[in-house]
Amino acid sequence: MSCSARSSPRSRPPGLARLSAVARQACYARRDWTKVGIDAQAHLWRSEHPHQTSLRRFIAGIRNRILDATGLSEQRLDQLIVELERHLAGPETLVIHPLLFQARARRR
């Protein structure tokens, strides 16, 4: 029986260790599975990349729904958006988009 997990050489998502543990547990719980494996791939974007502002564009698209669902005032939401933009513009901020996992196994 072989259980393994590997990630893309470009990045190692923090949740990969937990995902690997889940795959190993599944492998040992199901004795008829062999070669359980997980591949993970994450793309990291810095402040100059368009994906860095995806969340900001998403918020703009559902602004009214956010206001209705949360009870926030427009002024408070605007303040939060400014804080988000300031955070995303920081050189130390990385955005992971997308985070992809692929799991596979073979039956005996």
C-alpha atoms as a PDB file:
ATOM      1  CA  MET A   1       0.000   0.000   0.000  1.00  0.00           C
ATOM      2  CA  SER A   2       1.355   3.382  -0.943  1.00  0.00           C
ATOM      3  CA  CYS A   3       0.033   6.674   0.434  1.00  0.00           C
ATOM      4  CA  SER A   4       1.617   9.895  -0.673  1.00  0.00           C
ATOM      5  CA  ALA A   5       0.989  13.596  -1.089  1.00  0.00           C
ATOM      6  CA  ARG A   6       2.997  16.084  -3.020  1.00  0.00           C
ATOM      7  CA  SER A   7       2.668  19.710  -3.905  1.00  0.00           C
ATOM      8  CA  SER A   8       3.748  21.791  -6.806  1.00  0.00           C
ATOM      9  CA  PRO A   9       7.436  22.726  -6.567  1.00  0.00           C
ATOM     10  CA  ARG A  10       6.431  26.392  -6.941  1.00  0.00           C
ATOM     11  CA  SER A  11       4.544  26.535  -3.653  1.00  0.00           C
ATOM     12  CA  ARG A  12       3.538  24.534  -0.616  1.00  0.00           C
ATOM     13  CA  PRO A  13       0.106  25.504   0.729  1.00  0.00           C
ATOM     14  CA  PRO A  14      -0.121  25.468   4.529  1.00  0.00           C
ATOM     15  CA  GLY A  15      -3.098  23.091   4.494  1.00  0.00           C
ATOM     16  CA  LEU A  16      -1.223  20.410   2.563  1.00  0.00           C
ATOM     17  CA  ALA A  17       0.034  18.621   5.700  1.00  0.00           C
ATOM     18  CA  ARG A  18      -3.524  18.267   6.992  1.00  0.00           C
ATOM     19  CA  LEU A  19      -4.775  17.141   3.605  1.00  0.00           C
ATOM     20  CA  SER A  20      -1.973  14.564   3.453  1.00  0.00           C
ATOM     21  CA  ALA A  21      -3.002  13.226   6.861  1.00  0.00           C
ATOM     22  CA  VAL A  22      -6.624  12.900   5.712  1.00  0.00           C
ATOM     23  CA  ALA A  23      -5.491  11.007   2.600  1.00  0.00           C
ATOM     24  CA  ARG A  24      -3.387   8.633   4.670  1.00  0.00           C
ATOM     25  CA  GLN A  25      -6.304   8.000   7.044  1.00  0.00           C
ATOM     26  CA  ALA A  26      -8.561   7.278   4.079  1.00  0.00           C
ATOM     27  CA  CYS A  27      -5.944   4.957   2.640  1.00  0.00           C
ATOM     28  CA  TYR A  28      -5.663   2.955   5.849  1.00  0.00           C
ATOM     29  CA  ALA A  29      -9.423   2.949   6.533  1.00  0.00           C
ATOM     30  CA  ARG A  30     -10.202   1.604   3.066  1.00  0.00           C
ATOM     31  CA  ARG A  31      -7.977  -1.437   2.674  1.00  0.00           C
ATOM     32  CA  ASP A  32      -9.071  -1.800  -0.939  1.00  0.00           C
ATOM     33  CA  TRP A  33      -7.475   1.511  -1.968  1.00  0.00           C
ATOM     34  CA  THR A  34      -3.875   1.768  -3.059  1.00  0.00           C
ATOM     35  CA  LYS A  35      -1.688   4.609  -4.209  1.00  0.00           C
ATOM     36  CA  VAL A  36      -3.724   7.374  -2.604  1.00  0.00           C
ATOM     37  CA  GLY A  37      -2.193  10.675  -3.651  1.00  0.00           C
ATOM     38  CA  ILE A  38      -2.847  14.373  -3.532  1.00  0.00           C
ATOM     39  CA  ASP A  39      -1.462  17.119  -5.718  1.00  0.00           C
ATOM     40  CA  ALA A  40      -1.817  20.728  -4.605  1.00  0.00           C
ATOM     41  CA  GLN A  41      -1.111  23.837  -6.594  1.00  0.00           C
ATOM     42  CA  ALA A  42      -1.335  27.441  -5.473  1.00  0.00           C
ATOM     43  CA  HIS A  43      -0.762  30.585  -7.474  1.00  0.00           C
ATOM     44  CA  LEU A  44       0.590  33.494  -5.448  1.00  0.00           C
ATOM     45  CA  TRP A  45      -0.024  37.057  -6.627  1.00  0.00           C
ATOM     46  CA  ARG A  46       1.649  40.248  -5.455  1.00  0.00           C
ATOM     47  CA  SER A  47       0.212  43.768  -5.437  1.00  0.00           C
ATOM     48  CA  GLU A  48       0.901  44.533  -9.088  1.00  0.00           C
ATOM     49  CA  HIS A  49      -1.099  41.561 -10.423  1.00  0.00           C
ATOM     50  CA  PRO A  50      -4.805  41.947 -11.415  1.00  0.00           C
ATOM     51  CA  HIS A  51      -5.787  38.893  -9.321  1.00  0.00           C
ATOM     52  CA  GLN A  52      -4.660  40.824  -6.256  1.00  0.00           C
ATOM     53  CA  THR A  53      -7.799  42.965  -6.539  1.00  0.00           C
ATOM     54  CA  SER A  54     -10.273  40.161  -7.308  1.00  0.00           C
ATOM     55  CA  LEU A  55     -11.809  40.410  -3.844  1.00  0.00           C
ATOM     56  CA  ARG A  56     -12.270  44.175  -4.232  1.00  0.00           C
ATOM     57  CA  ARG A  57     -14.083  43.671  -7.554  1.00  0.00           C
ATOM     58  CA  PHE A  58     -16.220  40.913  -6.045  1.00  0.00           C
ATOM     59  CA  ILE A  59     -17.243  43.188  -3.155  1.00  0.00           C
ATOM     60  CA  ALA A  60     -18.167  45.948  -5.592  1.00  0.00           C
ATOM     61  CA  GLY A  61     -20.394  43.537  -7.489  1.00  0.00           C
ATOM     62  CA  ILE A  62     -22.373  42.450  -4.430  1.00  0.00           C
ATOM     63  CA  ARG A  63     -22.171  45.639  -2.385  1.00  0.00           C
ATOM     64  CA  ASN A  64     -25.937  45.954  -1.903  1.00  0.00           C
ATOM     65  CA  ARG A  65     -26.251  42.324  -0.841  1.00  0.00           C
ATOM     66  CA  ILE A  66     -23.481  42.825   1.732  1.00  0.00           C
ATOM     67  CA  LEU A  67     -25.203  45.902   3.124  1.00  0.00           C
ATOM     68  CA  ASP A  68     -28.572  44.130   3.317  1.00  0.00           C
ATOM     69  CA  ALA A  69     -27.203  40.934   4.877  1.00  0.00           C
ATOM     70  CA  THR A  70     -24.859  42.467   7.445  1.00  0.00           C
ATOM     71  CA  GLY A  71     -26.582  45.660   8.495  1.00  0.00           C
ATOM     72  CA  LEU A  72     -23.369  47.614   7.927  1.00  0.00           C
ATOM     73  CA  SER A  73     -23.725  51.262   7.062  1.00  0.00           C
ATOM     74  CA  GLU A  74     -22.394  52.421   3.712  1.00  0.00           C
ATOM     75  CA  GLN A  75     -19.768  54.506   5.512  1.00  0.00           C
ATOM     76  CA  ARG A  76     -18.524  51.494   7.519  1.00  0.00           C
ATOM     77  CA  LEU A  77     -18.352  49.310   4.410  1.00  0.00           C
ATOM     78  CA  ASP A  78     -16.399  52.054   2.643  1.00  0.00           C
ATOM     79  CA  GLN A  79     -13.972  52.176   5.589  1.00  0.00           C
ATOM     80  CA  LEU A  80     -13.496  48.416   5.435  1.00  0.00           C
ATOM     81  CA  ILE A  81     -12.872  48.586   1.690  1.00  0.00           C
ATOM     82  CA  VAL A  82     -10.209  51.267   2.204  1.00  0.00           C
ATOM     83  CA  GLU A  83      -8.551  49.058   4.848  1.00  0.00           C
ATOM     84  CA  LEU A  84      -8.680  46.103   2.461  1.00  0.00           C
ATOM     85  CA  GLU A  85      -7.102  48.120  -0.355  1.00  0.00           C
ATOM     86  CA  ARG A  86      -4.361  49.355   1.994  1.00  0.00           C
ATOM     87  CA  HIS A  87      -3.666  45.794   3.097  1.00  0.00           C
ATOM     88  CA  LEU A  88      -3.610  44.421  -0.453  1.00  0.00           C
ATOM     89  CA  ALA A  89      -1.252  47.182  -1.608  1.00  0.00           C
ATOM     90  CA  GLY A  90       1.350  46.184   0.991  1.00  0.00           C
ATOM     91  CA  PRO A  91       4.447  44.526  -0.464  1.00  0.00           C
ATOM     92  CA  GLU A  92       4.280  41.782   2.181  1.00  0.00           C
ATOM     93  CA  THR A  93       0.736  40.773   1.183  1.00  0.00           C
ATOM     94  CA  LEU A  94       0.290  37.737  -1.032  1.00  0.00           C
ATOM     95  CA  VAL A  95      -2.998  36.574  -2.485  1.00  0.00           C
ATOM     96  CA  ILE A  96      -3.473  32.874  -3.195  1.00  0.00           C
ATOM     97  CA  HIS A  97      -5.796  32.436  -6.155  1.00  0.00           C
ATOM     98  CA  PRO A  98      -6.734  29.746  -6.950  1.00  0.00           C
ATOM     99  CA  LEU A  99      -5.826  26.976  -4.515  1.00  0.00           C
ATOM    100  CA  LEU A 100      -6.346  23.681  -6.310  1.00  0.00           C
ATOM    101  CA  PHE A 101      -6.301  20.127  -4.949  1.00  0.00           C
ATOM    102  CA  GLN A 102      -6.496  16.891  -6.847  1.00  0.00           C
ATOM    103  CA  ALA A 103      -6.932  13.599  -4.970  1.00  0.00           C
ATOM    104  CA  ARG A 104      -6.724  10.173  -6.515  1.00  0.00           C
ATOM    105  CA  ALA A 105      -6.614   6.500  -5.531  1.00  0.00           C
ATOM    106  CA  ARG A 106      -6.650   3.096  -7.138  1.00  0.00           C
ATOM    107  CA  ARG A 107      -8.712   0.125  -6.100  1.00  0.00           C
ATOM    108  CA  ARG A 108      -7.012  -3.199  -5.714  1.00  0.00           C
END
